[in-house]
Structures are given as C-alpha cells and as structure tokens.
Amino acid sequence: MLLNLLSSHLDPITLSILLFFEVGSLLVVLSVHEAAHAAAAARLGDNTAKVLGRLTLNPLAHIDPMGGLMILLLGFGWGKAVPVNPYNLQSPRRDLALISFAGPASNFVMAAGLAGLFRLMGDTGVIGLVLTQLVSLNLALGIFNLLPISPLDGFKVVSGLLSFNLALDWEATARWGIFLLILLLMTPAFNTILYGPVGFLSRVLLGV
C-alpha cells in the first residue's frame, strides 16, 4: 500500500493526506481485527484476552511491528496474536475456529460498510481514494489471514471444521506453516492468490 502510493504521480499535498490516512487506517483495521478475536473469545467463555487488555480498540495493545510493516509495504500482514485459553471454552476446537474467524470477518464487515459509504458519497476526490484504499486494505487483511497456513487464522478455522482424527493430523502440520508461508510469499502465484480476490471483491463492493 505505502509503496504503491509513493510510486504514484499524485501531487505532494494529496500524497501526504493519503499517507496519513494509510497509517491511520492500518492502526484502526488491525485494532478492530484483533479486538474481534478478543470479543469472540470473551463471548465464548474465555476472558484471558480481556484481562490482558486486548479487548480494546487501542492500537498500542494490538500492533505487531513486523506484521504492521508488512501491511504498510505489501498490503497484507497481521497483528499481535490474541491469547486464548482453550480450557475455558465449552467446545475448544469449534470455539477456537469461531474466534479465529472473527478477525477476518470484522475486516469483511468493515470493507462492506466502507464500500457502502463510498457508493453513497460517490467518487469525491481524496475522500473517495481514502475509502477505496480502506476497502482494499480490509479485504487484503481478511483474505490473507484466512489462508489455511499456520499461524494464520485460516489454519484454526480449517481445524475446527475437520473431524477429531483429521484435525490431529492437520494440527501436526503447524510446525511447517511458517516455512510454507515464506515460500508462498516468495512465489509469483501469491499476487494472484491474494490480490486477485481483493481486486474482484473491491470492484463488486465499490461498483467500479
């Protein structure tokens, strides 16, 4: 995102405004994503994140330096993991899947809401550019985190959908997740996997 803006041919004032909102939107989007995890955990019986101050929209409680930098530069990334104690959950595998899905779901809800605002206001110059950037950022974060690779949210979502025995086999692959993720990030196919759906859904939501 940041690199795209810096390489654009916008005038300095417009570029400064967009960069300001880019950083601000990053903080808001990440905070909502991680707070949604914490809220879902509390709703399902585990107050660990709440006690540790993670049930908040305060960005300082959620920002992971590396994950935040990745979102700024490449348009995808992650926040600081929300702690969950599965022993406090009635149905740990199912509830962990729901808690994991809550983060990306919040991004999709935000993307739809912001796209609706864009449609109501129309393309109003800088404001329109900011709204489209926010929609794309939310979609990128939501889709990226739903990839079924550990430690992303999608890995636990898949685990919760499998039978007990299959879930055990699936969880055993978690140790290879970070290596698979790095490999995926280094392949040209990643742009198609992530930005293909982001571009398609952005056009559908924004009506452009």
N, C-alpha and C. Protein backbone atom coordinates (compact mmCIF):
# COMPACT_ATOMS: atom_id res chain seq x y z
N MET A 1 0.82 -1.19 0.00
CA MET A 1 0.00 0.00 0.00
C MET A 1 0.87 1.26 0.00
N LEU A 2 1.75 1.37 0.96
CA LEU A 2 2.62 2.53 1.05
C LEU A 2 3.49 2.67 -0.19
N LEU A 3 4.06 1.55 -0.65
CA LEU A 3 4.90 1.59 -1.83
C LEU A 3 4.10 2.02 -3.05
N ASN A 4 2.86 1.59 -3.14
CA ASN A 4 2.02 1.98 -4.27
C ASN A 4 1.78 3.47 -4.29
N LEU A 5 1.56 4.04 -3.11
CA LEU A 5 1.32 5.47 -3.03
C LEU A 5 2.57 6.26 -3.37
N LEU A 6 3.71 5.83 -2.84
CA LEU A 6 4.96 6.54 -3.08
C LEU A 6 5.36 6.53 -4.54
N SER A 7 4.97 5.46 -5.25
CA SER A 7 5.33 5.34 -6.65
C SER A 7 4.29 5.99 -7.56
N SER A 8 3.23 6.54 -6.98
CA SER A 8 2.19 7.18 -7.77
C SER A 8 2.64 8.58 -8.19
N HIS A 9 1.82 9.23 -9.03
CA HIS A 9 2.15 10.56 -9.53
C HIS A 9 1.23 11.61 -8.93
N LEU A 10 0.82 11.40 -7.69
CA LEU A 10 -0.05 12.36 -7.03
C LEU A 10 0.75 13.58 -6.61
N ASP A 11 0.05 14.71 -6.49
CA ASP A 11 0.72 15.92 -6.03
C ASP A 11 1.08 15.76 -4.55
N PRO A 12 2.08 16.50 -4.05
CA PRO A 12 2.58 16.31 -2.67
C PRO A 12 1.51 16.42 -1.59
N ILE A 13 0.58 17.35 -1.74
CA ILE A 13 -0.45 17.54 -0.71
C ILE A 13 -1.37 16.33 -0.66
N THR A 14 -1.83 15.90 -1.82
CA THR A 14 -2.71 14.73 -1.87
C THR A 14 -1.99 13.49 -1.36
N LEU A 15 -0.73 13.33 -1.75
CA LEU A 15 0.05 12.18 -1.31
C LEU A 15 0.22 12.18 0.20
N SER A 16 0.48 13.34 0.79
CA SER A 16 0.65 13.44 2.25
C SER A 16 -0.63 13.06 2.97
N ILE A 17 -1.75 13.53 2.44
CA ILE A 17 -3.05 13.21 3.06
C ILE A 17 -3.31 11.71 2.99
N LEU A 18 -3.04 11.11 1.84
CA LEU A 18 -3.28 9.69 1.68
C LEU A 18 -2.36 8.85 2.56
N LEU A 19 -1.11 9.27 2.68
CA LEU A 19 -0.18 8.55 3.55
C LEU A 19 -0.62 8.64 5.01
N PHE A 20 -1.10 9.81 5.42
CA PHE A 20 -1.59 9.98 6.78
C PHE A 20 -2.75 9.03 7.06
N PHE A 21 -3.70 9.00 6.14
CA PHE A 21 -4.85 8.12 6.32
C PHE A 21 -4.47 6.65 6.17
N GLU A 22 -3.44 6.37 5.36
CA GLU A 22 -2.98 4.99 5.20
C GLU A 22 -2.48 4.44 6.52
N VAL A 23 -1.64 5.23 7.22
CA VAL A 23 -1.12 4.81 8.51
C VAL A 23 -2.24 4.73 9.53
N GLY A 24 -3.11 5.73 9.54
CA GLY A 24 -4.23 5.72 10.48
C GLY A 24 -5.16 4.55 10.24
N SER A 25 -5.44 4.26 8.97
CA SER A 25 -6.33 3.14 8.66
C SER A 25 -5.72 1.82 9.07
N LEU A 26 -4.41 1.70 8.91
CA LEU A 26 -3.72 0.49 9.35
C LEU A 26 -3.96 0.25 10.83
N LEU A 27 -3.80 1.29 11.63
CA LEU A 27 -3.99 1.15 13.07
C LEU A 27 -5.42 0.75 13.41
N VAL A 28 -6.37 1.39 12.73
CA VAL A 28 -7.79 1.09 13.00
C VAL A 28 -8.14 -0.33 12.58
N VAL A 29 -7.73 -0.71 11.37
CA VAL A 29 -8.08 -2.03 10.83
C VAL A 29 -7.50 -3.15 11.69
N LEU A 30 -6.23 -3.00 12.06
CA LEU A 30 -5.60 -4.02 12.91
C LEU A 30 -6.27 -4.10 14.28
N SER A 31 -6.60 -2.94 14.83
CA SER A 31 -7.22 -2.92 16.16
C SER A 31 -8.57 -3.59 16.16
N VAL A 32 -9.37 -3.31 15.13
CA VAL A 32 -10.69 -3.95 15.03
C VAL A 32 -10.53 -5.46 14.85
N HIS A 33 -9.61 -5.87 13.99
CA HIS A 33 -9.38 -7.29 13.74
C HIS A 33 -9.03 -8.04 15.02
N GLU A 34 -8.07 -7.52 15.77
CA GLU A 34 -7.63 -8.22 16.98
C GLU A 34 -8.66 -8.10 18.10
N ALA A 35 -9.33 -6.95 18.20
CA ALA A 35 -10.37 -6.80 19.21
C ALA A 35 -11.53 -7.75 18.94
N ALA A 36 -11.78 -8.05 17.66
CA ALA A 36 -12.85 -9.00 17.31
C ALA A 36 -12.49 -10.40 17.80
N HIS A 37 -11.22 -10.78 17.69
CA HIS A 37 -10.78 -12.05 18.26
C HIS A 37 -11.05 -12.08 19.77
N ALA A 38 -10.65 -11.01 20.46
CA ALA A 38 -10.81 -10.94 21.91
C ALA A 38 -12.28 -10.95 22.32
N ALA A 39 -13.11 -10.24 21.56
CA ALA A 39 -14.55 -10.19 21.87
C ALA A 39 -15.19 -11.55 21.68
N ALA A 40 -14.81 -12.24 20.61
CA ALA A 40 -15.36 -13.58 20.36
C ALA A 40 -14.94 -14.54 21.46
N ALA A 41 -13.69 -14.45 21.90
CA ALA A 41 -13.21 -15.32 22.97
C ALA A 41 -13.99 -15.07 24.25
N ALA A 42 -14.19 -13.80 24.59
CA ALA A 42 -14.95 -13.46 25.80
C ALA A 42 -16.39 -13.96 25.70
N ARG A 43 -16.97 -13.81 24.52
CA ARG A 43 -18.34 -14.26 24.30
C ARG A 43 -18.47 -15.77 24.49
N LEU A 44 -17.40 -16.50 24.14
CA LEU A 44 -17.42 -17.96 24.21
C LEU A 44 -16.87 -18.51 25.53
N GLY A 45 -16.59 -17.61 26.47
CA GLY A 45 -16.25 -18.06 27.83
C GLY A 45 -14.82 -17.86 28.27
N ASP A 46 -13.96 -17.36 27.41
CA ASP A 46 -12.56 -17.16 27.81
C ASP A 46 -12.23 -15.67 27.90
N ASN A 47 -11.95 -15.19 29.10
CA ASN A 47 -11.67 -13.78 29.33
C ASN A 47 -10.17 -13.48 29.40
N THR A 48 -9.34 -14.41 28.94
CA THR A 48 -7.89 -14.21 29.02
C THR A 48 -7.47 -12.92 28.32
N ALA A 49 -7.92 -12.74 27.08
CA ALA A 49 -7.55 -11.54 26.33
C ALA A 49 -8.11 -10.28 26.98
N LYS A 50 -9.33 -10.37 27.51
CA LYS A 50 -9.94 -9.22 28.16
C LYS A 50 -9.14 -8.79 29.38
N VAL A 51 -8.74 -9.77 30.20
CA VAL A 51 -7.96 -9.47 31.40
C VAL A 51 -6.62 -8.84 31.05
N LEU A 52 -6.05 -9.27 29.92
CA LEU A 52 -4.75 -8.75 29.49
C LEU A 52 -4.85 -7.45 28.69
N GLY A 53 -6.03 -6.88 28.64
CA GLY A 53 -6.20 -5.59 27.99
C GLY A 53 -6.30 -5.63 26.48
N ARG A 54 -6.66 -6.78 25.92
CA ARG A 54 -6.74 -6.89 24.46
C ARG A 54 -8.15 -6.67 23.92
N LEU A 55 -9.14 -6.57 24.81
CA LEU A 55 -10.50 -6.28 24.36
C LEU A 55 -10.65 -4.76 24.29
N THR A 56 -9.95 -4.17 23.35
CA THR A 56 -9.90 -2.71 23.21
C THR A 56 -9.56 -2.36 21.77
N LEU A 57 -9.92 -1.14 21.38
CA LEU A 57 -9.57 -0.64 20.06
C LEU A 57 -8.30 0.21 20.11
N ASN A 58 -7.64 0.23 21.24
CA ASN A 58 -6.38 0.95 21.38
C ASN A 58 -5.31 0.25 20.54
N PRO A 59 -4.78 0.89 19.51
CA PRO A 59 -3.81 0.24 18.63
C PRO A 59 -2.56 -0.24 19.35
N LEU A 60 -2.16 0.44 20.42
CA LEU A 60 -0.95 0.07 21.13
C LEU A 60 -1.04 -1.34 21.73
N ALA A 61 -2.26 -1.81 21.95
CA ALA A 61 -2.45 -3.13 22.53
C ALA A 61 -2.34 -4.24 21.49
N HIS A 62 -2.39 -3.87 20.21
CA HIS A 62 -2.52 -4.90 19.18
C HIS A 62 -1.42 -4.92 18.12
N ILE A 63 -0.66 -3.85 17.99
CA ILE A 63 0.27 -3.75 16.86
C ILE A 63 1.46 -4.67 17.03
N ASP A 64 1.69 -5.50 16.01
CA ASP A 64 2.89 -6.30 15.91
C ASP A 64 3.81 -5.58 14.92
N PRO A 65 5.02 -5.20 15.32
CA PRO A 65 5.88 -4.39 14.45
C PRO A 65 6.08 -4.98 13.06
N MET A 66 6.43 -6.25 12.97
CA MET A 66 6.69 -6.86 11.67
C MET A 66 5.41 -6.98 10.85
N GLY A 67 4.34 -7.43 11.50
CA GLY A 67 3.07 -7.56 10.78
C GLY A 67 2.55 -6.23 10.28
N GLY A 68 2.71 -5.18 11.09
CA GLY A 68 2.28 -3.85 10.67
C GLY A 68 3.08 -3.32 9.50
N LEU A 69 4.37 -3.56 9.53
CA LEU A 69 5.23 -3.13 8.43
C LEU A 69 4.87 -3.85 7.13
N MET A 70 4.55 -5.14 7.24
CA MET A 70 4.17 -5.91 6.06
C MET A 70 2.90 -5.34 5.43
N ILE A 71 1.93 -4.96 6.25
CA ILE A 71 0.69 -4.40 5.71
C ILE A 71 0.96 -3.07 5.02
N LEU A 72 1.77 -2.23 5.65
CA LEU A 72 2.08 -0.94 5.05
C LEU A 72 2.76 -1.07 3.70
N LEU A 73 3.73 -1.97 3.62
CA LEU A 73 4.55 -2.09 2.42
C LEU A 73 3.91 -2.94 1.34
N LEU A 74 3.25 -4.04 1.75
CA LEU A 74 2.78 -5.02 0.78
C LEU A 74 1.26 -5.19 0.74
N GLY A 75 0.56 -4.59 1.73
CA GLY A 75 -0.89 -4.67 1.71
C GLY A 75 -1.46 -5.86 2.44
N PHE A 76 -0.66 -6.61 3.18
CA PHE A 76 -1.15 -7.73 3.98
C PHE A 76 -0.24 -7.88 5.19
N GLY A 77 -0.72 -8.58 6.20
CA GLY A 77 0.09 -8.75 7.40
C GLY A 77 -0.74 -9.22 8.58
N TRP A 78 -0.35 -8.88 9.78
CA TRP A 78 -1.01 -9.42 10.97
C TRP A 78 -0.78 -8.50 12.16
N GLY A 79 -1.57 -8.70 13.20
CA GLY A 79 -1.39 -8.00 14.47
C GLY A 79 -0.84 -8.97 15.50
N LYS A 80 -0.63 -8.47 16.69
CA LYS A 80 -0.14 -9.30 17.79
C LYS A 80 -1.19 -10.36 18.13
N ALA A 81 -0.77 -11.60 18.24
CA ALA A 81 -1.71 -12.70 18.48
C ALA A 81 -2.48 -12.49 19.77
N VAL A 82 -3.79 -12.74 19.71
CA VAL A 82 -4.64 -12.63 20.90
C VAL A 82 -4.57 -13.94 21.68
N PRO A 83 -4.21 -13.89 22.97
CA PRO A 83 -4.11 -15.13 23.76
C PRO A 83 -5.47 -15.72 24.06
N VAL A 84 -5.56 -17.03 23.91
CA VAL A 84 -6.81 -17.74 24.19
C VAL A 84 -6.47 -18.99 24.99
N ASN A 85 -7.22 -19.23 26.06
CA ASN A 85 -7.06 -20.44 26.87
C ASN A 85 -8.18 -21.42 26.50
N PRO A 86 -7.87 -22.46 25.74
CA PRO A 86 -8.92 -23.38 25.28
C PRO A 86 -9.63 -24.11 26.40
N TYR A 87 -9.01 -24.19 27.59
CA TYR A 87 -9.64 -24.88 28.71
C TYR A 87 -10.84 -24.10 29.25
N ASN A 88 -10.98 -22.85 28.87
CA ASN A 88 -12.13 -22.05 29.29
C ASN A 88 -13.29 -22.13 28.30
N LEU A 89 -13.10 -22.86 27.21
CA LEU A 89 -14.11 -22.95 26.17
C LEU A 89 -14.89 -24.25 26.29
N GLN A 90 -16.19 -24.20 26.02
CA GLN A 90 -17.03 -25.39 26.12
C GLN A 90 -16.70 -26.41 25.04
N SER A 91 -16.49 -25.93 23.83
CA SER A 91 -16.13 -26.81 22.70
C SER A 91 -14.86 -26.23 22.07
N PRO A 92 -13.69 -26.60 22.60
CA PRO A 92 -12.45 -25.92 22.20
C PRO A 92 -12.19 -25.83 20.71
N ARG A 93 -12.31 -26.91 19.96
CA ARG A 93 -11.98 -26.86 18.53
C ARG A 93 -12.95 -25.97 17.77
N ARG A 94 -14.24 -26.14 18.05
CA ARG A 94 -15.24 -25.31 17.39
C ARG A 94 -15.08 -23.85 17.77
N ASP A 95 -14.91 -23.59 19.06
CA ASP A 95 -14.82 -22.22 19.55
C ASP A 95 -13.54 -21.53 19.08
N LEU A 96 -12.44 -22.26 19.02
CA LEU A 96 -11.20 -21.68 18.51
C LEU A 96 -11.35 -21.29 17.04
N ALA A 97 -12.09 -22.12 16.30
CA ALA A 97 -12.34 -21.79 14.89
C ALA A 97 -13.18 -20.52 14.77
N LEU A 98 -14.19 -20.39 15.63
CA LEU A 98 -15.04 -19.20 15.61
C LEU A 98 -14.25 -17.96 16.02
N ILE A 99 -13.42 -18.10 17.03
CA ILE A 99 -12.59 -16.98 17.49
C ILE A 99 -11.63 -16.56 16.38
N SER A 100 -11.05 -17.54 15.71
CA SER A 100 -10.12 -17.24 14.62
C SER A 100 -10.82 -16.55 13.46
N PHE A 101 -12.03 -17.00 13.15
CA PHE A 101 -12.77 -16.42 12.04
C PHE A 101 -13.25 -15.01 12.34
N ALA A 102 -13.42 -14.68 13.60
CA ALA A 102 -13.97 -13.37 13.98
C ALA A 102 -13.11 -12.22 13.47
N GLY A 103 -11.78 -12.39 13.46
CA GLY A 103 -10.90 -11.33 13.00
C GLY A 103 -11.11 -11.00 11.53
N PRO A 104 -10.94 -11.97 10.62
CA PRO A 104 -11.20 -11.71 9.21
C PRO A 104 -12.63 -11.25 8.94
N ALA A 105 -13.59 -11.82 9.68
CA ALA A 105 -14.99 -11.42 9.48
C ALA A 105 -15.17 -9.94 9.75
N SER A 106 -14.49 -9.42 10.77
CA SER A 106 -14.59 -7.99 11.08
C SER A 106 -14.05 -7.15 9.92
N ASN A 107 -13.01 -7.65 9.25
CA ASN A 107 -12.47 -6.91 8.11
C ASN A 107 -13.45 -6.89 6.94
N PHE A 108 -14.12 -8.01 6.71
CA PHE A 108 -15.09 -8.06 5.62
C PHE A 108 -16.29 -7.16 5.90
N VAL A 109 -16.71 -7.11 7.16
CA VAL A 109 -17.81 -6.23 7.55
C VAL A 109 -17.41 -4.77 7.35
N MET A 110 -16.19 -4.42 7.77
CA MET A 110 -15.71 -3.06 7.58
C MET A 110 -15.61 -2.71 6.10
N ALA A 111 -15.11 -3.64 5.30
CA ALA A 111 -14.98 -3.40 3.86
C ALA A 111 -16.34 -3.12 3.23
N ALA A 112 -17.34 -3.92 3.61
CA ALA A 112 -18.69 -3.73 3.06
C ALA A 112 -19.28 -2.39 3.50
N GLY A 113 -19.07 -2.03 4.77
CA GLY A 113 -19.59 -0.76 5.27
C GLY A 113 -18.94 0.44 4.59
N LEU A 114 -17.63 0.39 4.44
CA LEU A 114 -16.91 1.49 3.79
C LEU A 114 -17.27 1.59 2.31
N ALA A 115 -17.47 0.45 1.67
CA ALA A 115 -17.88 0.45 0.26
C ALA A 115 -19.27 1.06 0.12
N GLY A 116 -20.15 0.75 1.08
CA GLY A 116 -21.48 1.35 1.07
C GLY A 116 -21.41 2.86 1.21
N LEU A 117 -20.50 3.34 2.07
CA LEU A 117 -20.31 4.78 2.24
C LEU A 117 -19.79 5.41 0.94
N PHE A 118 -18.88 4.72 0.28
CA PHE A 118 -18.34 5.20 -1.00
C PHE A 118 -19.45 5.33 -2.04
N ARG A 119 -20.31 4.34 -2.09
CA ARG A 119 -21.41 4.37 -3.07
C ARG A 119 -22.36 5.53 -2.79
N LEU A 120 -22.60 5.81 -1.49
CA LEU A 120 -23.50 6.91 -1.12
C LEU A 120 -22.89 8.27 -1.46
N MET A 121 -21.59 8.41 -1.21
CA MET A 121 -20.93 9.69 -1.42
C MET A 121 -20.48 9.91 -2.85
N GLY A 122 -20.22 8.82 -3.56
CA GLY A 122 -19.67 8.93 -4.89
C GLY A 122 -18.17 9.17 -4.84
N ASP A 123 -17.56 9.24 -6.00
CA ASP A 123 -16.11 9.45 -6.07
C ASP A 123 -15.82 10.92 -5.79
N THR A 124 -15.48 11.22 -4.52
CA THR A 124 -15.30 12.61 -4.11
C THR A 124 -13.83 12.93 -3.89
N GLY A 125 -13.02 12.73 -4.91
CA GLY A 125 -11.62 13.11 -4.84
C GLY A 125 -10.84 12.33 -3.81
N VAL A 126 -10.18 13.04 -2.90
CA VAL A 126 -9.32 12.42 -1.90
C VAL A 126 -10.11 11.49 -1.00
N ILE A 127 -11.31 11.90 -0.61
CA ILE A 127 -12.13 11.06 0.27
C ILE A 127 -12.45 9.74 -0.44
N GLY A 128 -12.76 9.81 -1.72
CA GLY A 128 -13.03 8.59 -2.47
C GLY A 128 -11.82 7.69 -2.53
N LEU A 129 -10.64 8.27 -2.73
CA LEU A 129 -9.41 7.48 -2.76
C LEU A 129 -9.15 6.82 -1.41
N VAL A 130 -9.38 7.56 -0.33
CA VAL A 130 -9.17 7.02 1.01
C VAL A 130 -10.11 5.84 1.26
N LEU A 131 -11.38 6.00 0.87
CA LEU A 131 -12.35 4.93 1.09
C LEU A 131 -11.99 3.68 0.29
N THR A 132 -11.57 3.85 -0.95
CA THR A 132 -11.20 2.69 -1.75
C THR A 132 -9.96 2.00 -1.19
N GLN A 133 -9.01 2.79 -0.66
CA GLN A 133 -7.83 2.21 -0.03
C GLN A 133 -8.23 1.42 1.21
N LEU A 134 -9.16 1.94 1.99
CA LEU A 134 -9.60 1.25 3.20
C LEU A 134 -10.32 -0.05 2.87
N VAL A 135 -11.12 -0.03 1.83
CA VAL A 135 -11.81 -1.25 1.41
C VAL A 135 -10.79 -2.31 1.00
N SER A 136 -9.82 -1.92 0.19
CA SER A 136 -8.79 -2.87 -0.26
C SER A 136 -7.96 -3.39 0.89
N LEU A 137 -7.62 -2.51 1.83
CA LEU A 137 -6.82 -2.92 2.98
C LEU A 137 -7.55 -3.94 3.83
N ASN A 138 -8.84 -3.69 4.09
CA ASN A 138 -9.62 -4.64 4.88
C ASN A 138 -9.75 -5.98 4.16
N LEU A 139 -9.99 -5.94 2.87
CA LEU A 139 -10.12 -7.19 2.12
C LEU A 139 -8.80 -7.95 2.10
N ALA A 140 -7.70 -7.24 1.92
CA ALA A 140 -6.39 -7.90 1.89
C ALA A 140 -6.08 -8.56 3.22
N LEU A 141 -6.34 -7.84 4.32
CA LEU A 141 -6.07 -8.40 5.65
C LEU A 141 -6.96 -9.60 5.93
N GLY A 142 -8.24 -9.48 5.59
CA GLY A 142 -9.17 -10.57 5.84
C GLY A 142 -8.84 -11.82 5.04
N ILE A 143 -8.59 -11.65 3.74
CA ILE A 143 -8.29 -12.80 2.88
C ILE A 143 -6.96 -13.43 3.25
N PHE A 144 -5.94 -12.59 3.48
CA PHE A 144 -4.63 -13.12 3.84
C PHE A 144 -4.71 -13.97 5.10
N ASN A 145 -5.40 -13.47 6.12
CA ASN A 145 -5.47 -14.20 7.38
C ASN A 145 -6.32 -15.46 7.30
N LEU A 146 -7.13 -15.59 6.27
CA LEU A 146 -7.93 -16.81 6.10
C LEU A 146 -7.19 -17.89 5.32
N LEU A 147 -5.99 -17.61 4.86
CA LEU A 147 -5.22 -18.66 4.21
C LEU A 147 -4.99 -19.80 5.21
N PRO A 148 -5.20 -21.06 4.81
CA PRO A 148 -5.10 -22.19 5.74
C PRO A 148 -3.66 -22.61 6.03
N ILE A 149 -2.88 -21.65 6.50
CA ILE A 149 -1.47 -21.90 6.81
C ILE A 149 -1.19 -21.39 8.22
N SER A 150 -0.61 -22.21 9.06
CA SER A 150 -0.24 -21.76 10.41
C SER A 150 0.88 -20.73 10.30
N PRO A 151 0.82 -19.62 11.05
CA PRO A 151 -0.06 -19.33 12.19
C PRO A 151 -1.24 -18.45 11.84
N LEU A 152 -1.67 -18.39 10.61
CA LEU A 152 -2.78 -17.54 10.20
C LEU A 152 -4.11 -18.09 10.72
N ASP A 153 -5.12 -17.21 10.76
CA ASP A 153 -6.43 -17.59 11.31
C ASP A 153 -7.06 -18.76 10.56
N GLY A 154 -6.85 -18.80 9.25
CA GLY A 154 -7.48 -19.84 8.44
C GLY A 154 -7.08 -21.24 8.85
N PHE A 155 -5.89 -21.39 9.40
CA PHE A 155 -5.43 -22.72 9.82
C PHE A 155 -6.33 -23.28 10.92
N LYS A 156 -6.67 -22.45 11.91
CA LYS A 156 -7.53 -22.91 13.01
C LYS A 156 -8.98 -23.05 12.57
N VAL A 157 -9.38 -22.23 11.60
CA VAL A 157 -10.74 -22.36 11.08
C VAL A 157 -10.91 -23.73 10.43
N VAL A 158 -9.94 -24.14 9.62
CA VAL A 158 -10.00 -25.46 8.98
C VAL A 158 -9.99 -26.56 10.03
N SER A 159 -9.14 -26.41 11.04
CA SER A 159 -9.06 -27.42 12.10
C SER A 159 -10.40 -27.64 12.77
N GLY A 160 -11.14 -26.55 12.99
CA GLY A 160 -12.44 -26.67 13.64
C GLY A 160 -13.50 -27.32 12.77
N LEU A 161 -13.28 -27.36 11.47
CA LEU A 161 -14.25 -27.96 10.56
C LEU A 161 -14.00 -29.45 10.33
N LEU A 162 -12.81 -29.93 10.71
CA LEU A 162 -12.45 -31.33 10.48
C LEU A 162 -12.91 -32.23 11.62
N SER A 163 -12.99 -33.51 11.34
CA SER A 163 -13.26 -34.48 12.40
C SER A 163 -12.07 -34.51 13.35
N PHE A 164 -12.26 -35.12 14.51
CA PHE A 164 -11.22 -35.09 15.54
C PHE A 164 -9.90 -35.68 15.03
N ASN A 165 -9.96 -36.86 14.40
CA ASN A 165 -8.75 -37.51 13.94
C ASN A 165 -8.06 -36.73 12.82
N LEU A 166 -8.87 -36.20 11.89
CA LEU A 166 -8.28 -35.40 10.81
C LEU A 166 -7.69 -34.11 11.36
N ALA A 167 -8.33 -33.55 12.39
CA ALA A 167 -7.82 -32.32 12.99
C ALA A 167 -6.47 -32.55 13.65
N LEU A 168 -6.28 -33.73 14.25
CA LEU A 168 -4.99 -34.05 14.86
C LEU A 168 -3.89 -34.07 13.79
N ASP A 169 -4.19 -34.69 12.66
CA ASP A 169 -3.22 -34.74 11.57
C ASP A 169 -2.95 -33.34 11.02
N TRP A 170 -4.03 -32.56 10.92
CA TRP A 170 -3.90 -31.19 10.41
C TRP A 170 -3.03 -30.34 11.34
N GLU A 171 -3.27 -30.43 12.66
CA GLU A 171 -2.51 -29.64 13.62
C GLU A 171 -1.03 -30.03 13.62
N ALA A 172 -0.75 -31.28 13.27
CA ALA A 172 0.64 -31.73 13.24
C ALA A 172 1.45 -31.03 12.16
N THR A 173 0.77 -30.45 11.17
CA THR A 173 1.47 -29.75 10.09
C THR A 173 1.79 -28.31 10.47
N ALA A 174 1.35 -27.86 11.64
CA ALA A 174 1.52 -26.46 12.03
C ALA A 174 2.99 -26.06 12.07
N ARG A 175 3.86 -26.98 12.44
CA ARG A 175 5.28 -26.64 12.57
C ARG A 175 5.92 -26.25 11.24
N TRP A 176 5.28 -26.68 10.14
CA TRP A 176 5.81 -26.33 8.82
C TRP A 176 5.18 -25.07 8.27
N GLY A 177 4.21 -24.54 8.98
CA GLY A 177 3.43 -23.42 8.47
C GLY A 177 4.25 -22.20 8.10
N ILE A 178 5.13 -21.78 8.98
CA ILE A 178 5.89 -20.56 8.72
C ILE A 178 6.77 -20.71 7.50
N PHE A 179 7.31 -21.91 7.28
CA PHE A 179 8.15 -22.15 6.11
C PHE A 179 7.31 -22.12 4.83
N LEU A 180 6.11 -22.72 4.90
CA LEU A 180 5.21 -22.69 3.75
C LEU A 180 4.77 -21.26 3.44
N LEU A 181 4.55 -20.49 4.50
CA LEU A 181 4.12 -19.10 4.31
C LEU A 181 5.21 -18.28 3.64
N ILE A 182 6.43 -18.44 4.10
CA ILE A 182 7.56 -17.71 3.50
C ILE A 182 7.73 -18.11 2.04
N LEU A 183 7.61 -19.41 1.78
CA LEU A 183 7.73 -19.91 0.40
C LEU A 183 6.64 -19.31 -0.48
N LEU A 184 5.43 -19.27 0.05
CA LEU A 184 4.31 -18.71 -0.72
C LEU A 184 4.54 -17.24 -1.02
N LEU A 185 5.04 -16.50 -0.03
CA LEU A 185 5.28 -15.06 -0.22
C LEU A 185 6.33 -14.80 -1.29
N MET A 186 7.20 -15.77 -1.49
CA MET A 186 8.30 -15.59 -2.45
C MET A 186 7.92 -16.00 -3.86
N THR A 187 6.74 -16.59 -4.03
CA THR A 187 6.33 -17.08 -5.35
C THR A 187 5.43 -16.05 -6.04
N PRO A 188 5.53 -15.93 -7.37
CA PRO A 188 4.67 -15.02 -8.11
C PRO A 188 3.18 -15.34 -7.94
N ALA A 189 2.88 -16.60 -7.63
CA ALA A 189 1.48 -17.01 -7.50
C ALA A 189 0.78 -16.29 -6.36
N PHE A 190 1.57 -15.79 -5.39
CA PHE A 190 0.95 -15.16 -4.22
C PHE A 190 0.13 -13.94 -4.63
N ASN A 191 0.62 -13.15 -5.58
CA ASN A 191 -0.12 -11.97 -6.02
C ASN A 191 -1.49 -12.37 -6.57
N THR A 192 -1.53 -13.49 -7.29
CA THR A 192 -2.80 -13.96 -7.83
C THR A 192 -3.71 -14.45 -6.72
N ILE A 193 -3.14 -15.19 -5.77
CA ILE A 193 -3.93 -15.76 -4.67
C ILE A 193 -4.55 -14.68 -3.81
N LEU A 194 -3.79 -13.62 -3.52
CA LEU A 194 -4.29 -12.57 -2.63
C LEU A 194 -4.97 -11.45 -3.39
N TYR A 195 -4.26 -10.85 -4.33
CA TYR A 195 -4.76 -9.63 -4.95
C TYR A 195 -5.79 -9.89 -6.04
N GLY A 196 -5.85 -11.12 -6.54
CA GLY A 196 -6.93 -11.46 -7.46
C GLY A 196 -8.29 -11.30 -6.78
N PRO A 197 -8.51 -12.02 -5.65
CA PRO A 197 -9.78 -11.87 -4.92
C PRO A 197 -10.00 -10.45 -4.38
N VAL A 198 -8.92 -9.79 -3.92
CA VAL A 198 -9.06 -8.43 -3.41
C VAL A 198 -9.57 -7.50 -4.51
N GLY A 199 -8.97 -7.60 -5.68
CA GLY A 199 -9.40 -6.76 -6.79
C GLY A 199 -10.83 -7.04 -7.21
N PHE A 200 -11.18 -8.32 -7.30
CA PHE A 200 -12.54 -8.70 -7.71
C PHE A 200 -13.57 -8.21 -6.70
N LEU A 201 -13.33 -8.49 -5.41
CA LEU A 201 -14.30 -8.09 -4.39
C LEU A 201 -14.38 -6.57 -4.25
N SER A 202 -13.26 -5.88 -4.44
CA SER A 202 -13.28 -4.42 -4.40
C SER A 202 -14.18 -3.85 -5.48
N ARG A 203 -14.05 -4.40 -6.69
CA ARG A 203 -14.89 -3.91 -7.79
C ARG A 203 -16.35 -4.20 -7.54
N VAL A 204 -16.63 -5.38 -6.98
CA VAL A 204 -18.03 -5.73 -6.70
C VAL A 204 -18.61 -4.81 -5.63
N LEU A 205 -17.86 -4.61 -4.54
CA LEU A 205 -18.36 -3.80 -3.43
C LEU A 205 -18.47 -2.33 -3.80
N LEU A 206 -17.47 -1.83 -4.52
CA LEU A 206 -17.44 -0.41 -4.85
C LEU A 206 -18.28 -0.07 -6.08
N GLY A 207 -18.60 -1.09 -6.87
CA GLY A 207 -19.39 -0.85 -8.07
C GLY A 207 -18.63 -0.10 -9.13
N VAL A 208 -17.32 -0.38 -9.24
CA VAL A 208 -16.50 0.33 -10.24
C VAL A 208 -15.92 -0.67 -11.24
